[in-house]
Amino acid sequence: FEPMAGWSISAQRILIFGGGAAGGQSVSDIFQAFFNPSKAQTSGFGSSHVVGKQEASITSRFLFPGPVPFAVYAEYTGNDTDAGRNYLFGKPVLSMGIHFPHVGPFDVTFEDSHFAPTWYVHTFSPVQTGYGDGITNDGDSFGGWFGDQRVFGEAVGGRSNLLRVGWEPPFGGRMEAQLRTLVNEDDAVYWVYSYKHEVMGALSYAYPWHGYAVGAEVDVGRDVFGDHYTRLEGF
């Protein structure tokens, strides 16, 4: 919703349920888990089984008009709750960014994200059963791309930065360059694997054609395990 011109706010919730050691919930349990996530992830409403695994986020964006207009945006995300309170986000991720649509002939975006240790990781205990791999599907995390930039199941936090520059040349179309970095934090408690600094670069060009956008992109980089890659795609 938009409480005033230029300021927008949105909220999201994801609930997954069923399967494995966490199976056997009723429809009533699932509805209760959505509205009472703290109790669902501890007592399981008396069943001692976790009912559902949840994520939630709040996003806000401010538009600042002027000779050099820009937008500032932020997102605060939580994986389950904290301190037994439904309104407190556990294992948080905070992302903030700024976008300048006109810096001379370019538009520029810079974004910074920080994710806490234990994001996507959920250990077993007498009151925490099921979903030992966190919110994943076939070993792939969802809700944040950085969840897969580590040894599977290892609870390590990190930080990512993004710089994106776009340009519309005089001959038409749009060219865009993007550089993203990610550093998994060296934490004495959670850090096991000796991760490398991840660097991801991309250069693309697209041109409008009969109601479509046609173009190509080249991606190059090094992942957190030190492996290099190159990818060329057309669309």
C-alpha atoms as a PDB file:
ATOM      1  CA  PHE A   1       0.000   0.000   0.000  1.00  0.00           C
ATOM      2  CA  GLU A   2       1.002   3.653  -0.456  1.00  0.00           C
ATOM      3  CA  PRO A   3       0.305   5.744   2.685  1.00  0.00           C
ATOM      4  CA  MET A   4       1.455   8.889   0.881  1.00  0.00           C
ATOM      5  CA  ALA A   5       2.677   9.846  -2.562  1.00  0.00           C
ATOM      6  CA  GLY A   6       6.162   8.470  -3.152  1.00  0.00           C
ATOM      7  CA  TRP A   7       6.220   6.051  -0.215  1.00  0.00           C
ATOM      8  CA  SER A   8       5.159   2.422  -0.638  1.00  0.00           C
ATOM      9  CA  ILE A   9       5.172  -0.497   1.820  1.00  0.00           C
ATOM     10  CA  SER A  10       4.605  -4.197   1.200  1.00  0.00           C
ATOM     11  CA  ALA A  11       4.593  -7.350   3.321  1.00  0.00           C
ATOM     12  CA  GLN A  12       5.000 -11.003   2.361  1.00  0.00           C
ATOM     13  CA  ARG A  13       4.603 -14.377   4.100  1.00  0.00           C
ATOM     14  CA  ILE A  14       5.615 -17.868   2.995  1.00  0.00           C
ATOM     15  CA  LEU A  15       4.529 -21.028   4.843  1.00  0.00           C
ATOM     16  CA  ILE A  16       5.553 -24.541   3.827  1.00  0.00           C
ATOM     17  CA  PHE A  17       4.240 -27.626   5.591  1.00  0.00           C
ATOM     18  CA  GLY A  18       4.139 -31.424   5.568  1.00  0.00           C
ATOM     19  CA  GLY A  19       6.643 -34.077   4.670  1.00  0.00           C
ATOM     20  CA  GLY A  20       9.130 -36.251   6.547  1.00  0.00           C
ATOM     21  CA  ALA A  21       9.365 -35.936  10.318  1.00  0.00           C
ATOM     22  CA  ALA A  22       7.144 -32.857  10.191  1.00  0.00           C
ATOM     23  CA  GLY A  23       4.241 -34.532   8.393  1.00  0.00           C
ATOM     24  CA  GLY A  24       0.771 -35.344   9.655  1.00  0.00           C
ATOM     25  CA  GLN A  25      -0.662 -31.860  10.230  1.00  0.00           C
ATOM     26  CA  SER A  26      -4.344 -31.122   9.968  1.00  0.00           C
ATOM     27  CA  VAL A  27      -5.831 -28.218   8.026  1.00  0.00           C
ATOM     28  CA  SER A  28      -6.543 -26.556  11.381  1.00  0.00           C
ATOM     29  CA  ASP A  29      -2.860 -26.896  12.376  1.00  0.00           C
ATOM     30  CA  ILE A  30      -1.749 -25.225   9.154  1.00  0.00           C
ATOM     31  CA  PHE A  31      -4.074 -22.254   9.667  1.00  0.00           C
ATOM     32  CA  GLN A  32      -2.927 -21.910  13.278  1.00  0.00           C
ATOM     33  CA  ALA A  33       0.699 -22.038  12.170  1.00  0.00           C
ATOM     34  CA  PHE A  34       0.158 -19.139   9.792  1.00  0.00           C
ATOM     35  CA  PHE A  35      -1.316 -16.895  12.495  1.00  0.00           C
ATOM     36  CA  ASN A  36       0.766 -18.195  15.423  1.00  0.00           C
ATOM     37  CA  PRO A  37       4.177 -19.091  13.949  1.00  0.00           C
ATOM     38  CA  SER A  38       6.082 -18.915  17.248  1.00  0.00           C
ATOM     39  CA  LYS A  39       4.017 -21.644  18.883  1.00  0.00           C
ATOM     40  CA  ALA A  40       3.925 -23.665  15.661  1.00  0.00           C
ATOM     41  CA  GLN A  41       7.723 -23.860  15.512  1.00  0.00           C
ATOM     42  CA  THR A  42       8.142 -24.886  19.163  1.00  0.00           C
ATOM     43  CA  SER A  43       5.298 -26.826  20.789  1.00  0.00           C
ATOM     44  CA  GLY A  44       3.541 -27.608  17.502  1.00  0.00           C
ATOM     45  CA  PHE A  45       0.232 -27.019  19.320  1.00  0.00           C
ATOM     46  CA  GLY A  46       0.918 -29.931  21.671  1.00  0.00           C
ATOM     47  CA  SER A  47       2.129 -32.442  19.091  1.00  0.00           C
ATOM     48  CA  SER A  48       5.863 -31.702  19.704  1.00  0.00           C
ATOM     49  CA  HIS A  49       6.269 -31.554  15.915  1.00  0.00           C
ATOM     50  CA  VAL A  50       7.013 -28.343  14.073  1.00  0.00           C
ATOM     51  CA  VAL A  51       3.990 -27.255  12.066  1.00  0.00           C
ATOM     52  CA  GLY A  52       5.295 -25.472   9.011  1.00  0.00           C
ATOM     53  CA  LYS A  53       8.415 -23.491   8.244  1.00  0.00           C
ATOM     54  CA  GLN A  54       7.981 -19.799   7.565  1.00  0.00           C
ATOM     55  CA  GLU A  55       9.547 -16.658   6.144  1.00  0.00           C
ATOM     56  CA  ALA A  56       8.247 -13.112   6.222  1.00  0.00           C
ATOM     57  CA  SER A  57       9.465  -9.772   4.926  1.00  0.00           C
ATOM     58  CA  ILE A  58       8.624  -6.087   4.967  1.00  0.00           C
ATOM     59  CA  THR A  59       9.695  -3.893   2.058  1.00  0.00           C
ATOM     60  CA  SER A  60       9.590  -0.109   1.775  1.00  0.00           C
ATOM     61  CA  ARG A  61      10.504   2.301  -1.009  1.00  0.00           C
ATOM     62  CA  PHE A  62      10.792   6.102  -0.994  1.00  0.00           C
ATOM     63  CA  LEU A  63      10.839   8.227  -4.143  1.00  0.00           C
ATOM     64  CA  PHE A  64      12.612  11.588  -3.910  1.00  0.00           C
ATOM     65  CA  PRO A  65      11.795  13.998  -6.778  1.00  0.00           C
ATOM     66  CA  GLY A  66      14.154  16.814  -7.655  1.00  0.00           C
ATOM     67  CA  PRO A  67      16.751  17.909 -10.200  1.00  0.00           C
ATOM     68  CA  VAL A  68      18.444  14.520  -9.635  1.00  0.00           C
ATOM     69  CA  PRO A  69      15.593  12.187  -8.635  1.00  0.00           C
ATOM     70  CA  PHE A  70      16.337   8.946  -6.828  1.00  0.00           C
ATOM     71  CA  ALA A  71      14.674   6.148  -4.878  1.00  0.00           C
ATOM     72  CA  VAL A  72      15.754   4.504  -1.628  1.00  0.00           C
ATOM     73  CA  TYR A  73      14.452   1.046  -0.734  1.00  0.00           C
ATOM     74  CA  ALA A  74      14.925  -1.504   2.042  1.00  0.00           C
ATOM     75  CA  GLU A  75      13.757  -5.000   2.881  1.00  0.00           C
ATOM     76  CA  TYR A  76      13.831  -6.735   6.273  1.00  0.00           C
ATOM     77  CA  THR A  77      13.310 -10.490   6.156  1.00  0.00           C
ATOM     78  CA  GLY A  78      13.026 -13.150   8.838  1.00  0.00           C
ATOM     79  CA  ASN A  79      13.238 -16.921   8.832  1.00  0.00           C
ATOM     80  CA  ASP A  80      10.803 -17.992  11.598  1.00  0.00           C
ATOM     81  CA  THR A  81      10.319 -15.887  14.759  1.00  0.00           C
ATOM     82  CA  ASP A  82      12.523 -14.768  17.635  1.00  0.00           C
ATOM     83  CA  ALA A  83      12.243 -14.792  21.447  1.00  0.00           C
ATOM     84  CA  GLY A  84       8.815 -16.430  21.291  1.00  0.00           C
ATOM     85  CA  ARG A  85       7.211 -13.348  19.728  1.00  0.00           C
ATOM     86  CA  ASN A  86       5.259 -13.603  16.484  1.00  0.00           C
ATOM     87  CA  TYR A  87       6.148 -10.040  15.496  1.00  0.00           C
ATOM     88  CA  LEU A  88       9.925 -10.513  15.880  1.00  0.00           C
ATOM     89  CA  PHE A  89      11.854 -11.848  12.884  1.00  0.00           C
ATOM     90  CA  GLY A  90      14.446 -14.538  13.580  1.00  0.00           C
ATOM     91  CA  LYS A  91      17.636 -15.107  11.559  1.00  0.00           C
ATOM     92  CA  PRO A  92      17.225 -11.807   9.717  1.00  0.00           C
ATOM     93  CA  VAL A  93      18.341 -10.532   6.343  1.00  0.00           C
ATOM     94  CA  LEU A  94      18.568  -6.784   5.743  1.00  0.00           C
ATOM     95  CA  SER A  95      18.892  -5.306   2.251  1.00  0.00           C
ATOM     96  CA  MET A  96      19.099  -1.621   1.364  1.00  0.00           C
ATOM     97  CA  GLY A  97      19.539   0.063  -1.992  1.00  0.00           C
ATOM     98  CA  ILE A  98      19.494   3.352  -3.840  1.00  0.00           C
ATOM     99  CA  HIS A  99      18.521   3.916  -7.474  1.00  0.00           C
ATOM    100  CA  PHE A 100      19.323   6.981  -9.590  1.00  0.00           C
ATOM    101  CA  PRO A 101      17.298   6.826 -12.840  1.00  0.00           C
ATOM    102  CA  HIS A 102      19.219   9.721 -14.412  1.00  0.00           C
ATOM    103  CA  VAL A 103      22.918  10.303 -13.735  1.00  0.00           C
ATOM    104  CA  GLY A 104      23.800  11.959 -16.987  1.00  0.00           C
ATOM    105  CA  PRO A 105      22.938   9.369 -19.670  1.00  0.00           C
ATOM    106  CA  PHE A 106      23.003   6.470 -17.171  1.00  0.00           C
ATOM    107  CA  ASP A 107      20.780   4.965 -14.496  1.00  0.00           C
ATOM    108  CA  VAL A 108      22.634   3.589 -11.476  1.00  0.00           C
ATOM    109  CA  THR A 109      21.641   1.178  -8.698  1.00  0.00           C
ATOM    110  CA  PHE A 110      23.684   0.225  -5.635  1.00  0.00           C
ATOM    111  CA  GLU A 111      22.480  -2.397  -3.161  1.00  0.00           C
ATOM    112  CA  ASP A 112      23.870  -3.845   0.079  1.00  0.00           C
ATOM    113  CA  SER A 113      22.576  -7.036   1.743  1.00  0.00           C
ATOM    114  CA  HIS A 114      23.551  -8.735   4.983  1.00  0.00           C
ATOM    115  CA  PHE A 115      22.276 -12.170   6.033  1.00  0.00           C
ATOM    116  CA  ALA A 116      22.703 -13.582   9.526  1.00  0.00           C
ATOM    117  CA  PRO A 117      24.280 -16.942  10.404  1.00  0.00           C
ATOM    118  CA  THR A 118      21.778 -19.830  10.589  1.00  0.00           C
ATOM    119  CA  TRP A 119      19.737 -18.383   7.704  1.00  0.00           C
ATOM    120  CA  TYR A 120      18.051 -21.407   6.056  1.00  0.00           C
ATOM    121  CA  VAL A 121      19.463 -23.752   8.688  1.00  0.00           C
ATOM    122  CA  HIS A 122      17.259 -25.432  11.278  1.00  0.00           C
ATOM    123  CA  THR A 123      18.799 -27.843  13.788  1.00  0.00           C
ATOM    124  CA  PHE A 124      16.873 -30.579  15.584  1.00  0.00           C
ATOM    125  CA  SER A 125      15.946 -30.420  19.273  1.00  0.00           C
ATOM    126  CA  PRO A 126      13.230 -31.963  21.497  1.00  0.00           C
ATOM    127  CA  VAL A 127      10.834 -29.195  20.398  1.00  0.00           C
ATOM    128  CA  GLN A 128      12.218 -28.586  16.899  1.00  0.00           C
ATOM    129  CA  THR A 129      11.614 -31.558  14.638  1.00  0.00           C
ATOM    130  CA  GLY A 130      11.492 -31.645  10.873  1.00  0.00           C
ATOM    131  CA  TYR A 131      12.762 -29.198   8.249  1.00  0.00           C
ATOM    132  CA  GLY A 132      16.383 -29.883   9.152  1.00  0.00           C
ATOM    133  CA  ASP A 133      17.465 -28.396   5.812  1.00  0.00           C
ATOM    134  CA  GLY A 134      15.504 -25.171   6.337  1.00  0.00           C
ATOM    135  CA  ILE A 135      13.274 -23.850   3.563  1.00  0.00           C
ATOM    136  CA  THR A 136      14.616 -25.793   0.613  1.00  0.00           C
ATOM    137  CA  ASN A 137      13.382 -27.803  -2.344  1.00  0.00           C
ATOM    138  CA  ASP A 138      15.546 -30.693  -3.565  1.00  0.00           C
ATOM    139  CA  GLY A 139      18.547 -29.103  -1.845  1.00  0.00           C
ATOM    140  CA  ASP A 140      18.017 -25.603  -3.271  1.00  0.00           C
ATOM    141  CA  SER A 141      17.176 -22.733  -0.930  1.00  0.00           C
ATOM    142  CA  PHE A 142      14.459 -20.270  -1.835  1.00  0.00           C
ATOM    143  CA  GLY A 143      13.721 -16.819  -0.493  1.00  0.00           C
ATOM    144  CA  GLY A 144      17.259 -15.506  -1.091  1.00  0.00           C
ATOM    145  CA  TRP A 145      19.786 -16.452  -3.752  1.00  0.00           C
ATOM    146  CA  PHE A 146      22.699 -16.433  -1.277  1.00  0.00           C
ATOM    147  CA  GLY A 147      21.260 -19.432   0.577  1.00  0.00           C
ATOM    148  CA  ASP A 148      22.982 -21.701  -1.957  1.00  0.00           C
ATOM    149  CA  GLN A 149      26.333 -19.903  -1.893  1.00  0.00           C
ATOM    150  CA  ARG A 150      27.818 -22.187   0.774  1.00  0.00           C
ATOM    151  CA  VAL A 151      28.255 -25.830   1.749  1.00  0.00           C
ATOM    152  CA  PHE A 152      24.747 -27.230   2.057  1.00  0.00           C
ATOM    153  CA  GLY A 153      23.449 -27.015   5.619  1.00  0.00           C
ATOM    154  CA  GLU A 154      26.344 -24.928   6.945  1.00  0.00           C
ATOM    155  CA  ALA A 155      25.186 -22.028   9.082  1.00  0.00           C
ATOM    156  CA  VAL A 156      27.268 -19.117   7.845  1.00  0.00           C
ATOM    157  CA  GLY A 157      26.270 -15.491   7.408  1.00  0.00           C
ATOM    158  CA  GLY A 158      27.563 -13.081   4.837  1.00  0.00           C
ATOM    159  CA  ARG A 159      27.274  -9.852   2.925  1.00  0.00           C
ATOM    160  CA  SER A 160      26.594  -9.019  -0.701  1.00  0.00           C
ATOM    161  CA  ASN A 161      26.953  -5.803  -2.727  1.00  0.00           C
ATOM    162  CA  LEU A 162      25.514  -4.988  -6.132  1.00  0.00           C
ATOM    163  CA  LEU A 163      26.313  -2.221  -8.627  1.00  0.00           C
ATOM    164  CA  ARG A 164      24.217  -1.980 -11.790  1.00  0.00           C
ATOM    165  CA  VAL A 165      24.572   0.664 -14.529  1.00  0.00           C
ATOM    166  CA  GLY A 166      22.174   0.989 -17.451  1.00  0.00           C
ATOM    167  CA  TRP A 167      22.458   3.035 -20.648  1.00  0.00           C
ATOM    168  CA  GLU A 168      20.166   3.645 -23.608  1.00  0.00           C
ATOM    169  CA  PRO A 169      22.458   4.371 -26.574  1.00  0.00           C
ATOM    170  CA  PRO A 170      21.450   6.767 -29.383  1.00  0.00           C
ATOM    171  CA  PHE A 171      20.924   3.852 -31.799  1.00  0.00           C
ATOM    172  CA  GLY A 172      18.257   2.359 -29.500  1.00  0.00           C
ATOM    173  CA  GLY A 173      17.881  -0.488 -27.096  1.00  0.00           C
ATOM    174  CA  ARG A 174      19.348  -0.797 -23.621  1.00  0.00           C
ATOM    175  CA  MET A 175      22.781  -1.846 -22.435  1.00  0.00           C
ATOM    176  CA  GLU A 176      23.361  -2.894 -18.846  1.00  0.00           C
ATOM    177  CA  ALA A 177      26.448  -3.796 -16.813  1.00  0.00           C
ATOM    178  CA  GLN A 178      26.238  -5.444 -13.411  1.00  0.00           C
ATOM    179  CA  LEU A 179      28.798  -6.393 -10.760  1.00  0.00           C
ATOM    180  CA  ARG A 180      27.895  -8.375  -7.650  1.00  0.00           C
ATOM    181  CA  THR A 181      30.133  -9.550  -4.809  1.00  0.00           C
ATOM    182  CA  LEU A 182      29.462 -11.881  -1.900  1.00  0.00           C
ATOM    183  CA  VAL A 183      31.613 -12.597   1.161  1.00  0.00           C
ATOM    184  CA  ASN A 184      30.728 -15.376   3.593  1.00  0.00           C
ATOM    185  CA  GLU A 185      31.754 -14.232   7.059  1.00  0.00           C
ATOM    186  CA  ASP A 186      34.651 -15.841   8.889  1.00  0.00           C
ATOM    187  CA  ASP A 187      32.733 -16.833  12.030  1.00  0.00           C
ATOM    188  CA  ALA A 188      34.445 -18.971  14.670  1.00  0.00           C
ATOM    189  CA  VAL A 189      31.187 -20.755  15.555  1.00  0.00           C
ATOM    190  CA  TYR A 190      29.678 -21.518  12.157  1.00  0.00           C
ATOM    191  CA  TRP A 191      32.454 -21.135   9.592  1.00  0.00           C
ATOM    192  CA  VAL A 192      33.954 -24.470   8.498  1.00  0.00           C
ATOM    193  CA  TYR A 193      34.701 -24.262   4.786  1.00  0.00           C
ATOM    194  CA  SER A 194      37.393 -21.823   3.609  1.00  0.00           C
ATOM    195  CA  TYR A 195      35.188 -19.774   1.283  1.00  0.00           C
ATOM    196  CA  LYS A 196      36.447 -17.461  -1.440  1.00  0.00           C
ATOM    197  CA  HIS A 197      35.063 -14.026  -2.235  1.00  0.00           C
ATOM    198  CA  GLU A 198      32.413 -14.478  -4.901  1.00  0.00           C
ATOM    199  CA  VAL A 199      32.451 -12.068  -7.862  1.00  0.00           C
ATOM    200  CA  MET A 200      29.753 -12.062 -10.545  1.00  0.00           C
ATOM    201  CA  GLY A 201      29.823  -9.797 -13.602  1.00  0.00           C
ATOM    202  CA  ALA A 202      27.313  -9.442 -16.441  1.00  0.00           C
ATOM    203  CA  LEU A 203      26.994  -7.349 -19.583  1.00  0.00           C
ATOM    204  CA  SER A 204      23.778  -7.380 -21.622  1.00  0.00           C
ATOM    205  CA  TYR A 205      22.112  -5.606 -24.536  1.00  0.00           C
ATOM    206  CA  ALA A 206      18.436  -5.719 -25.508  1.00  0.00           C
ATOM    207  CA  TYR A 207      16.563  -4.135 -28.415  1.00  0.00           C
ATOM    208  CA  PRO A 208      12.790  -3.798 -28.914  1.00  0.00           C
ATOM    209  CA  TRP A 209      11.500  -5.685 -31.966  1.00  0.00           C
ATOM    210  CA  HIS A 210       7.818  -6.159 -32.942  1.00  0.00           C
ATOM    211  CA  GLY A 211       6.618  -6.163 -29.361  1.00  0.00           C
ATOM    212  CA  TYR A 212       9.498  -8.303 -28.069  1.00  0.00           C
ATOM    213  CA  ALA A 213      12.895  -7.636 -26.541  1.00  0.00           C
ATOM    214  CA  VAL A 214      15.748  -9.450 -28.281  1.00  0.00           C
ATOM    215  CA  GLY A 215      19.294  -9.434 -27.056  1.00  0.00           C
ATOM    216  CA  ALA A 216      22.240 -11.237 -25.531  1.00  0.00           C
ATOM    217  CA  GLU A 217      24.123 -11.407 -22.237  1.00  0.00           C
ATOM    218  CA  VAL A 218      27.535 -12.633 -21.142  1.00  0.00           C
ATOM    219  CA  ASP A 219      28.182 -13.619 -17.517  1.00  0.00           C
ATOM    220  CA  VAL A 220      31.587 -14.257 -15.960  1.00  0.00           C
ATOM    221  CA  GLY A 221      32.650 -14.792 -12.380  1.00  0.00           C
ATOM    222  CA  ARG A 222      34.050 -16.859  -9.533  1.00  0.00           C
ATOM    223  CA  ASP A 223      31.881 -18.562  -6.920  1.00  0.00           C
ATOM    224  CA  VAL A 224      32.487 -19.015  -3.173  1.00  0.00           C
ATOM    225  CA  PHE A 225      34.283 -22.313  -3.827  1.00  0.00           C
ATOM    226  CA  GLY A 226      36.840 -20.709  -6.129  1.00  0.00           C
ATOM    227  CA  ASP A 227      35.401 -22.099  -9.368  1.00  0.00           C
ATOM    228  CA  HIS A 228      35.304 -19.797 -12.397  1.00  0.00           C
ATOM    229  CA  TYR A 229      32.515 -19.733 -14.949  1.00  0.00           C
ATOM    230  CA  THR A 230      31.515 -18.050 -18.222  1.00  0.00           C
ATOM    231  CA  ARG A 231      28.043 -18.091 -19.742  1.00  0.00           C
ATOM    232  CA  LEU A 232      26.677 -16.653 -22.986  1.00  0.00           C
ATOM    233  CA  GLU A 233      22.936 -16.446 -23.558  1.00  0.00           C
ATOM    234  CA  GLY A 234      20.554 -15.038 -26.122  1.00  0.00           C
ATOM    235  CA  PHE A 235      16.883 -14.189 -25.749  1.00  0.00           C
END
